[in-house]
Amino acid sequence: MTMTTAEADKIIADNFAPWVLELGLSVETLGDHRAMLRLPWSQRLAREGGALSGQALMAAADTATVIAVSAARGGYGPMTTVQQSTSFQRAVTGADVLIEAVVTKLGRRMAFADITMTDGSSGELAARASTVYALLS
């Protein structure tokens, strides 16, 4: 069963903390083991110098992983982050960020994903992350 972007947006609305919701993330596309989210540019998320904060990018990567794992499982189930590693490669200033999470392994109890974060204006890679999730049900 393929999940729709509306169902994925509802997962975010129903299961994430208010401060994560304030990021304004939206689900752009879904596949069987992947999700693409958009993090809209906001001056509120910028740090000194005008670049998007790393904390916002890491939260977006974490959220995208939940959606990609949910798509791979055919729906949302409780899960928790076990590990996340992020490498920042270039600053993003004044542009939305596209976050693509790809589930690389889905087991009964664990899921692994690779995430790329791309400057929506230039198409250049801004950051990469890898995540490990414990599946709780």
C-alpha atoms as a PDB file:
ATOM      1  CA  MET A   1       0.000   0.000   0.000  1.00  0.00           C
ATOM      2  CA  THR A   2       1.480   3.320  -1.072  1.00  0.00           C
ATOM      3  CA  MET A   3       1.214   6.220   1.328  1.00  0.00           C
ATOM      4  CA  THR A   4       0.114   9.606  -0.044  1.00  0.00           C
ATOM      5  CA  THR A   5       1.839  12.917   0.630  1.00  0.00           C
ATOM      6  CA  ALA A   6      -1.288  14.058   2.517  1.00  0.00           C
ATOM      7  CA  GLU A   7      -1.043  10.997   4.793  1.00  0.00           C
ATOM      8  CA  ALA A   8       2.656  11.693   5.315  1.00  0.00           C
ATOM      9  CA  ASP A   9       1.983  15.349   6.178  1.00  0.00           C
ATOM     10  CA  LYS A  10      -0.594  14.119   8.720  1.00  0.00           C
ATOM     11  CA  ILE A  11       2.048  11.866  10.325  1.00  0.00           C
ATOM     12  CA  ILE A  12       4.154  14.966  10.880  1.00  0.00           C
ATOM     13  CA  ALA A  13       1.208  16.991  12.228  1.00  0.00           C
ATOM     14  CA  ASP A  14       0.092  14.230  14.597  1.00  0.00           C
ATOM     15  CA  ASN A  15       3.427  12.945  15.931  1.00  0.00           C
ATOM     16  CA  PHE A  16       6.000  15.723  16.178  1.00  0.00           C
ATOM     17  CA  ALA A  17       6.703  18.343  18.810  1.00  0.00           C
ATOM     18  CA  PRO A  18       5.358  21.867  18.238  1.00  0.00           C
ATOM     19  CA  TRP A  19       8.850  23.283  17.636  1.00  0.00           C
ATOM     20  CA  VAL A  20       9.405  20.733  14.826  1.00  0.00           C
ATOM     21  CA  LEU A  21       6.055  21.698  13.299  1.00  0.00           C
ATOM     22  CA  GLU A  22       7.226  25.329  13.313  1.00  0.00           C
ATOM     23  CA  LEU A  23       9.928  24.354  10.784  1.00  0.00           C
ATOM     24  CA  GLY A  24       7.132  24.257   8.186  1.00  0.00           C
ATOM     25  CA  LEU A  25       8.247  20.959   6.631  1.00  0.00           C
ATOM     26  CA  SER A  26       6.089  19.559   3.853  1.00  0.00           C
ATOM     27  CA  VAL A  27       6.246  16.240   2.054  1.00  0.00           C
ATOM     28  CA  GLU A  28       6.998  16.722  -1.652  1.00  0.00           C
ATOM     29  CA  THR A  29       7.204  13.128  -2.910  1.00  0.00           C
ATOM     30  CA  LEU A  30       7.162   9.571  -1.607  1.00  0.00           C
ATOM     31  CA  GLY A  31       8.406   6.234  -2.881  1.00  0.00           C
ATOM     32  CA  ASP A  32       8.455   2.750  -1.435  1.00  0.00           C
ATOM     33  CA  HIS A  33      11.607   3.419   0.589  1.00  0.00           C
ATOM     34  CA  ARG A  34      12.125   7.155   0.241  1.00  0.00           C
ATOM     35  CA  ALA A  35      10.671  10.542   1.051  1.00  0.00           C
ATOM     36  CA  MET A  36      11.453  14.051  -0.154  1.00  0.00           C
ATOM     37  CA  LEU A  37      10.556  16.906   2.182  1.00  0.00           C
ATOM     38  CA  ARG A  38      10.877  20.665   1.745  1.00  0.00           C
ATOM     39  CA  LEU A  39      12.221  22.887   4.502  1.00  0.00           C
ATOM     40  CA  PRO A  40      11.110  26.415   3.582  1.00  0.00           C
ATOM     41  CA  TRP A  41      13.602  29.234   4.054  1.00  0.00           C
ATOM     42  CA  SER A  42      12.915  31.324   7.134  1.00  0.00           C
ATOM     43  CA  GLN A  43      15.014  34.063   8.680  1.00  0.00           C
ATOM     44  CA  ARG A  44      13.906  32.629  12.045  1.00  0.00           C
ATOM     45  CA  LEU A  45      15.963  29.509  11.277  1.00  0.00           C
ATOM     46  CA  ALA A  46      19.066  31.443  10.239  1.00  0.00           C
ATOM     47  CA  ARG A  47      22.059  31.916  12.450  1.00  0.00           C
ATOM     48  CA  GLU A  48      24.455  34.822  12.613  1.00  0.00           C
ATOM     49  CA  GLY A  49      25.601  35.574   9.082  1.00  0.00           C
ATOM     50  CA  GLY A  50      22.299  34.492   7.521  1.00  0.00           C
ATOM     51  CA  ALA A  51      22.956  30.777   6.952  1.00  0.00           C
ATOM     52  CA  LEU A  52      20.331  28.195   7.843  1.00  0.00           C
ATOM     53  CA  SER A  53      21.146  26.653  11.222  1.00  0.00           C
ATOM     54  CA  GLY A  54      22.528  23.144  11.469  1.00  0.00           C
ATOM     55  CA  GLN A  55      19.965  22.317  14.144  1.00  0.00           C
ATOM     56  CA  ALA A  56      17.125  22.984  11.682  1.00  0.00           C
ATOM     57  CA  LEU A  57      18.769  20.785   9.053  1.00  0.00           C
ATOM     58  CA  MET A  58      19.321  17.958  11.546  1.00  0.00           C
ATOM     59  CA  ALA A  59      15.702  18.097  12.722  1.00  0.00           C
ATOM     60  CA  ALA A  60      14.549  18.065   9.093  1.00  0.00           C
ATOM     61  CA  ALA A  61      16.721  15.020   8.340  1.00  0.00           C
ATOM     62  CA  ASP A  62      15.353  13.226  11.399  1.00  0.00           C
ATOM     63  CA  THR A  63      11.776  14.013  10.384  1.00  0.00           C
ATOM     64  CA  ALA A  64      12.371  12.923   6.781  1.00  0.00           C
ATOM     65  CA  THR A  65      13.656   9.597   8.074  1.00  0.00           C
ATOM     66  CA  VAL A  66      10.418   8.969   9.982  1.00  0.00           C
ATOM     67  CA  ILE A  67       8.430   9.616   6.810  1.00  0.00           C
ATOM     68  CA  ALA A  68      10.671   7.407   4.643  1.00  0.00           C
ATOM     69  CA  VAL A  69      10.499   4.551   7.187  1.00  0.00           C
ATOM     70  CA  SER A  70       6.716   4.976   7.406  1.00  0.00           C
ATOM     71  CA  ALA A  71       6.492   4.798   3.606  1.00  0.00           C
ATOM     72  CA  ALA A  72       8.627   1.642   3.611  1.00  0.00           C
ATOM     73  CA  ARG A  73       6.430   0.054   6.287  1.00  0.00           C
ATOM     74  CA  GLY A  74       3.144   1.095   4.655  1.00  0.00           C
ATOM     75  CA  GLY A  75       2.194   3.414   7.511  1.00  0.00           C
ATOM     76  CA  TYR A  76       3.387   5.036  10.705  1.00  0.00           C
ATOM     77  CA  GLY A  77       4.375   3.060  13.791  1.00  0.00           C
ATOM     78  CA  PRO A  78       6.232   4.194  16.891  1.00  0.00           C
ATOM     79  CA  MET A  79       9.990   4.525  16.347  1.00  0.00           C
ATOM     80  CA  THR A  80      12.877   6.361  17.902  1.00  0.00           C
ATOM     81  CA  THR A  81      16.211   7.711  16.768  1.00  0.00           C
ATOM     82  CA  VAL A  82      19.149   5.571  17.890  1.00  0.00           C
ATOM     83  CA  GLN A  83      21.877   7.401  15.974  1.00  0.00           C
ATOM     84  CA  GLN A  84      22.224  10.349  13.619  1.00  0.00           C
ATOM     85  CA  SER A  85      25.425  11.588  12.018  1.00  0.00           C
ATOM     86  CA  THR A  86      25.433  14.757   9.930  1.00  0.00           C
ATOM     87  CA  SER A  87      28.136  16.327   7.757  1.00  0.00           C
ATOM     88  CA  PHE A  88      27.625  19.909   6.620  1.00  0.00           C
ATOM     89  CA  GLN A  89      29.157  20.752   3.252  1.00  0.00           C
ATOM     90  CA  ARG A  90      27.964  24.251   2.368  1.00  0.00           C
ATOM     91  CA  ALA A  91      25.819  26.989   3.854  1.00  0.00           C
ATOM     92  CA  VAL A  92      22.275  27.594   2.647  1.00  0.00           C
ATOM     93  CA  THR A  93      21.202  31.223   2.592  1.00  0.00           C
ATOM     94  CA  GLY A  94      17.837  32.506   1.423  1.00  0.00           C
ATOM     95  CA  ALA A  95      16.692  29.229  -0.169  1.00  0.00           C
ATOM     96  CA  ASP A  96      14.457  26.288   0.672  1.00  0.00           C
ATOM     97  CA  VAL A  97      16.172  22.968   1.346  1.00  0.00           C
ATOM     98  CA  LEU A  98      15.087  19.669  -0.192  1.00  0.00           C
ATOM     99  CA  ILE A  99      15.637  16.735   2.154  1.00  0.00           C
ATOM    100  CA  GLU A 100      15.651  13.250   0.627  1.00  0.00           C
ATOM    101  CA  ALA A 101      15.686  10.285   2.989  1.00  0.00           C
ATOM    102  CA  VAL A 102      16.273   6.818   1.540  1.00  0.00           C
ATOM    103  CA  VAL A 103      15.789   3.713   3.685  1.00  0.00           C
ATOM    104  CA  THR A 104      18.803   1.509   2.984  1.00  0.00           C
ATOM    105  CA  LYS A 105      17.801  -1.361   5.279  1.00  0.00           C
ATOM    106  CA  LEU A 106      14.478  -2.107   6.917  1.00  0.00           C
ATOM    107  CA  GLY A 107      14.465  -4.870   9.467  1.00  0.00           C
ATOM    108  CA  ARG A 108      11.918  -6.004  12.023  1.00  0.00           C
ATOM    109  CA  ARG A 109      13.463  -3.953  14.822  1.00  0.00           C
ATOM    110  CA  MET A 110      15.824  -1.483  13.136  1.00  0.00           C
ATOM    111  CA  ALA A 111      15.841   0.808  10.110  1.00  0.00           C
ATOM    112  CA  PHE A 112      18.782   2.571   8.467  1.00  0.00           C
ATOM    113  CA  ALA A 113      18.607   5.594   6.167  1.00  0.00           C
ATOM    114  CA  ASP A 114      20.816   7.962   4.183  1.00  0.00           C
ATOM    115  CA  ILE A 115      19.719  11.575   3.841  1.00  0.00           C
ATOM    116  CA  THR A 116      20.824  14.284   1.422  1.00  0.00           C
ATOM    117  CA  MET A 117      19.979  17.947   1.942  1.00  0.00           C
ATOM    118  CA  THR A 118      20.144  20.101  -1.170  1.00  0.00           C
ATOM    119  CA  ASP A 119      19.921  23.859  -1.668  1.00  0.00           C
ATOM    120  CA  GLY A 120      16.597  24.265  -3.482  1.00  0.00           C
ATOM    121  CA  SER A 121      17.854  27.206  -5.553  1.00  0.00           C
ATOM    122  CA  SER A 122      21.287  26.058  -6.685  1.00  0.00           C
ATOM    123  CA  GLY A 123      20.771  22.287  -6.476  1.00  0.00           C
ATOM    124  CA  GLU A 124      24.069  22.003  -4.607  1.00  0.00           C
ATOM    125  CA  LEU A 125      24.515  19.512  -1.798  1.00  0.00           C
ATOM    126  CA  ALA A 126      24.356  21.271   1.575  1.00  0.00           C
ATOM    127  CA  ALA A 127      24.599  18.327   3.976  1.00  0.00           C
ATOM    128  CA  ARG A 128      24.455  14.556   4.307  1.00  0.00           C
ATOM    129  CA  ALA A 129      23.199  12.506   7.220  1.00  0.00           C
ATOM    130  CA  SER A 130      22.811   8.879   8.167  1.00  0.00           C
ATOM    131  CA  THR A 131      20.309   7.640  10.716  1.00  0.00           C
ATOM    132  CA  VAL A 132      19.507   4.495  12.620  1.00  0.00           C
ATOM    133  CA  TYR A 133      16.045   3.982  14.094  1.00  0.00           C
ATOM    134  CA  ALA A 134      14.624   1.477  16.538  1.00  0.00           C
ATOM    135  CA  LEU A 135      11.177   0.271  15.446  1.00  0.00           C
ATOM    136  CA  LEU A 136       9.034  -0.016  18.563  1.00  0.00           C
ATOM    137  CA  SER A 137       6.050  -1.877  17.107  1.00  0.00           C
END
